Amino acid sequence: MIVFSLKCTNDHVFDEWFSNGADYEAKAGGGDLRCPECGDAKITKAIMAPRIGKAAAEPAPPCAASGCGGGACAFANDF
């Protein structure tokens, strides 16, 4: 699945989900897309900012056999 930011000729911008890029092309070319605000069928892709995820954080070091933080671990009794 992919989401595209779309725009009608009246500059209404909205998001729509598609199976892939070809699905968007087929629906746009067939007139199957309509602006939810005004019903306009002339829809184009709007300028989109890339959605780049953050790098994964380093995992926390494992707890020592005697417990975390000298027994001050809030989760020590959960296991």
N, C-alpha and C. Protein backbone atom coordinates (compact mmCIF):
# COMPACT_ATOMS: atom_id res chain seq x y z
N MET A 1 0.85 -1.18 0.00
CA MET A 1 0.00 0.00 0.00
C MET A 1 0.89 1.24 0.00
N ILE A 2 0.39 2.27 -0.66
CA ILE A 2 1.11 3.54 -0.73
C ILE A 2 0.09 4.67 -0.62
N VAL A 3 0.47 5.74 0.04
CA VAL A 3 -0.42 6.90 0.16
C VAL A 3 0.17 8.02 -0.68
N PHE A 4 -0.70 8.66 -1.44
CA PHE A 4 -0.30 9.83 -2.23
C PHE A 4 -1.09 11.03 -1.75
N SER A 5 -0.43 12.16 -1.74
CA SER A 5 -1.09 13.43 -1.49
C SER A 5 -1.58 13.92 -2.85
N LEU A 6 -2.87 14.16 -2.97
CA LEU A 6 -3.48 14.53 -4.25
C LEU A 6 -4.05 15.93 -4.18
N LYS A 7 -4.26 16.52 -5.36
CA LYS A 7 -4.78 17.89 -5.43
C LYS A 7 -5.73 17.99 -6.62
N CYS A 8 -6.83 18.71 -6.43
CA CYS A 8 -7.77 18.96 -7.53
C CYS A 8 -7.47 20.33 -8.15
N THR A 9 -8.19 20.68 -9.19
CA THR A 9 -7.96 21.96 -9.87
C THR A 9 -8.35 23.16 -9.00
N ASN A 10 -9.10 22.91 -7.92
CA ASN A 10 -9.47 23.99 -6.99
C ASN A 10 -8.49 24.08 -5.82
N ASP A 11 -7.35 23.41 -5.94
CA ASP A 11 -6.28 23.42 -4.93
C ASP A 11 -6.68 22.79 -3.60
N HIS A 12 -7.67 21.90 -3.60
CA HIS A 12 -7.97 21.12 -2.40
C HIS A 12 -6.98 19.95 -2.36
N VAL A 13 -6.30 19.79 -1.25
CA VAL A 13 -5.31 18.72 -1.10
C VAL A 13 -5.86 17.66 -0.15
N PHE A 14 -5.70 16.39 -0.53
CA PHE A 14 -6.18 15.28 0.29
C PHE A 14 -5.29 14.07 0.04
N ASP A 15 -5.32 13.12 0.98
CA ASP A 15 -4.53 11.90 0.86
C ASP A 15 -5.43 10.75 0.44
N GLU A 16 -4.85 9.84 -0.31
CA GLU A 16 -5.59 8.65 -0.77
C GLU A 16 -4.63 7.47 -0.80
N TRP A 17 -5.10 6.30 -0.39
CA TRP A 17 -4.30 5.08 -0.39
C TRP A 17 -4.52 4.31 -1.68
N PHE A 18 -3.44 3.70 -2.18
CA PHE A 18 -3.48 2.89 -3.40
C PHE A 18 -2.67 1.62 -3.18
N SER A 19 -2.98 0.59 -3.95
CA SER A 19 -2.23 -0.67 -3.86
C SER A 19 -0.78 -0.47 -4.29
N ASN A 20 -0.59 0.37 -5.32
CA ASN A 20 0.75 0.67 -5.84
C ASN A 20 0.62 1.86 -6.80
N GLY A 21 1.71 2.25 -7.42
CA GLY A 21 1.69 3.39 -8.34
C GLY A 21 0.80 3.15 -9.55
N ALA A 22 0.77 1.92 -10.04
CA ALA A 22 -0.06 1.60 -11.20
C ALA A 22 -1.54 1.73 -10.86
N ASP A 23 -1.90 1.41 -9.62
CA ASP A 23 -3.30 1.55 -9.17
C ASP A 23 -3.71 3.02 -9.24
N TYR A 24 -2.81 3.92 -8.78
CA TYR A 24 -3.11 5.36 -8.88
C TYR A 24 -3.30 5.76 -10.34
N GLU A 25 -2.37 5.35 -11.20
CA GLU A 25 -2.44 5.72 -12.62
C GLU A 25 -3.74 5.25 -13.26
N ALA A 26 -4.15 4.03 -12.95
CA ALA A 26 -5.39 3.48 -13.52
C ALA A 26 -6.61 4.27 -13.05
N LYS A 27 -6.66 4.57 -11.75
CA LYS A 27 -7.82 5.29 -11.21
C LYS A 27 -7.84 6.74 -11.68
N ALA A 28 -6.68 7.38 -11.75
CA ALA A 28 -6.63 8.77 -12.21
C ALA A 28 -6.97 8.85 -13.69
N GLY A 29 -6.45 7.92 -14.48
CA GLY A 29 -6.73 7.92 -15.91
C GLY A 29 -8.16 7.55 -16.24
N GLY A 30 -8.77 6.77 -15.39
CA GLY A 30 -10.16 6.35 -15.63
C GLY A 30 -11.19 7.29 -15.04
N GLY A 31 -10.74 8.36 -14.41
CA GLY A 31 -11.67 9.32 -13.82
C GLY A 31 -12.34 8.81 -12.55
N ASP A 32 -11.73 7.80 -11.92
CA ASP A 32 -12.33 7.21 -10.71
C ASP A 32 -11.99 7.97 -9.44
N LEU A 33 -11.12 8.95 -9.53
CA LEU A 33 -10.76 9.75 -8.35
C LEU A 33 -11.55 11.04 -8.36
N ARG A 34 -12.05 11.39 -7.19
CA ARG A 34 -12.80 12.64 -7.03
C ARG A 34 -12.35 13.34 -5.77
N CYS A 35 -12.32 14.65 -5.82
CA CYS A 35 -12.00 15.44 -4.65
C CYS A 35 -13.13 15.28 -3.63
N PRO A 36 -12.80 14.92 -2.40
CA PRO A 36 -13.86 14.76 -1.39
C PRO A 36 -14.52 16.08 -0.99
N GLU A 37 -13.87 17.20 -1.31
CA GLU A 37 -14.41 18.49 -0.91
C GLU A 37 -15.35 19.09 -1.96
N CYS A 38 -14.97 18.98 -3.25
CA CYS A 38 -15.77 19.63 -4.29
C CYS A 38 -16.24 18.69 -5.39
N GLY A 39 -15.75 17.44 -5.40
CA GLY A 39 -16.17 16.48 -6.41
C GLY A 39 -15.43 16.57 -7.73
N ASP A 40 -14.44 17.44 -7.83
CA ASP A 40 -13.67 17.60 -9.06
C ASP A 40 -13.00 16.27 -9.42
N ALA A 41 -13.02 15.90 -10.69
CA ALA A 41 -12.42 14.64 -11.14
C ALA A 41 -11.04 14.84 -11.76
N LYS A 42 -10.59 16.07 -11.92
CA LYS A 42 -9.26 16.31 -12.47
C LYS A 42 -8.28 16.37 -11.30
N ILE A 43 -7.67 15.23 -11.02
CA ILE A 43 -6.83 15.05 -9.85
C ILE A 43 -5.38 14.82 -10.28
N THR A 44 -4.45 15.47 -9.61
CA THR A 44 -3.03 15.26 -9.85
C THR A 44 -2.35 15.00 -8.51
N LYS A 45 -1.13 14.50 -8.56
CA LYS A 45 -0.35 14.32 -7.34
C LYS A 45 0.12 15.68 -6.86
N ALA A 46 0.00 15.91 -5.58
CA ALA A 46 0.50 17.14 -4.97
C ALA A 46 1.96 16.91 -4.58
N ILE A 47 2.67 17.98 -4.31
CA ILE A 47 4.05 17.87 -3.86
C ILE A 47 4.03 17.25 -2.46
N MET A 48 4.87 16.24 -2.27
CA MET A 48 4.90 15.53 -1.00
C MET A 48 6.32 15.58 -0.42
N ALA A 49 6.40 15.69 0.88
CA ALA A 49 7.69 15.57 1.56
C ALA A 49 7.93 14.09 1.82
N PRO A 50 9.15 13.63 1.65
CA PRO A 50 9.41 12.21 1.92
C PRO A 50 9.23 11.91 3.40
N ARG A 51 8.73 10.72 3.68
CA ARG A 51 8.56 10.29 5.07
C ARG A 51 9.69 9.34 5.41
N ILE A 52 10.70 9.89 6.04
CA ILE A 52 11.88 9.11 6.37
C ILE A 52 11.84 8.82 7.87
N GLY A 53 11.89 7.55 8.20
CA GLY A 53 11.85 7.15 9.60
C GLY A 53 13.15 7.47 10.32
N LYS A 54 13.07 7.56 11.61
CA LYS A 54 14.25 7.79 12.43
C LYS A 54 15.06 6.50 12.51
N ALA A 55 16.34 6.65 12.70
CA ALA A 55 17.19 5.49 12.90
C ALA A 55 16.81 4.81 14.21
N ALA A 56 16.91 3.52 14.24
CA ALA A 56 16.58 2.78 15.44
C ALA A 56 17.56 3.13 16.56
N ALA A 57 17.04 3.29 17.74
CA ALA A 57 17.89 3.60 18.90
C ALA A 57 18.66 2.36 19.31
N GLU A 58 19.78 2.58 19.93
CA GLU A 58 20.57 1.46 20.44
C GLU A 58 19.75 0.77 21.53
N PRO A 59 19.72 -0.56 21.54
CA PRO A 59 18.97 -1.25 22.59
C PRO A 59 19.63 -1.04 23.95
N ALA A 60 18.83 -1.07 24.98
CA ALA A 60 19.35 -0.92 26.34
C ALA A 60 20.22 -2.13 26.68
N PRO A 61 21.27 -1.92 27.46
CA PRO A 61 22.10 -3.07 27.83
C PRO A 61 21.29 -4.04 28.69
N PRO A 62 21.62 -5.32 28.63
CA PRO A 62 20.87 -6.29 29.43
C PRO A 62 21.09 -6.07 30.92
N CYS A 63 20.12 -6.47 31.70
CA CYS A 63 20.23 -6.35 33.16
C CYS A 63 21.24 -7.37 33.67
N ALA A 64 21.90 -7.00 34.73
CA ALA A 64 22.82 -7.93 35.39
C ALA A 64 22.00 -8.98 36.12
N ALA A 65 22.60 -10.12 36.44
CA ALA A 65 21.90 -11.19 37.14
C ALA A 65 21.37 -10.73 38.49
N SER A 66 22.06 -9.75 39.09
CA SER A 66 21.64 -9.25 40.41
C SER A 66 20.54 -8.20 40.31
N GLY A 67 20.17 -7.79 39.09
CA GLY A 67 19.12 -6.79 38.91
C GLY A 67 19.68 -5.50 38.38
N CYS A 68 18.80 -4.64 37.97
CA CYS A 68 19.19 -3.35 37.39
C CYS A 68 19.38 -2.32 38.49
N GLY A 69 20.34 -1.47 38.28
CA GLY A 69 20.52 -0.31 39.15
C GLY A 69 20.58 -0.64 40.62
N GLY A 70 21.19 -1.74 40.97
CA GLY A 70 21.30 -2.10 42.39
C GLY A 70 19.96 -2.41 43.02
N GLY A 71 19.06 -2.99 42.25
CA GLY A 71 17.75 -3.36 42.78
C GLY A 71 16.71 -2.28 42.63
N ALA A 72 17.03 -1.17 41.96
CA ALA A 72 16.09 -0.06 41.81
C ALA A 72 15.29 -0.15 40.51
N CYS A 73 15.38 -1.25 39.83
CA CYS A 73 14.67 -1.40 38.56
C CYS A 73 13.16 -1.49 38.80
N ALA A 74 12.39 -0.65 38.10
CA ALA A 74 10.94 -0.63 38.27
C ALA A 74 10.29 -1.89 37.75
N PHE A 75 10.97 -2.64 36.90
CA PHE A 75 10.41 -3.82 36.30
C PHE A 75 10.93 -5.12 36.90
N ALA A 76 11.77 -5.04 37.93
CA ALA A 76 12.43 -6.21 38.48
C ALA A 76 11.44 -7.26 38.97
N ASN A 77 10.29 -6.88 39.49
CA ASN A 77 9.34 -7.83 40.03
C ASN A 77 8.36 -8.36 38.98
N ASP A 78 8.50 -7.91 37.72
CA ASP A 78 7.59 -8.33 36.67
C ASP A 78 7.97 -9.67 36.08
N PHE A 79 9.14 -10.20 36.43
CA PHE A 79 9.62 -11.42 35.75
C PHE A 79 9.75 -12.56 36.72
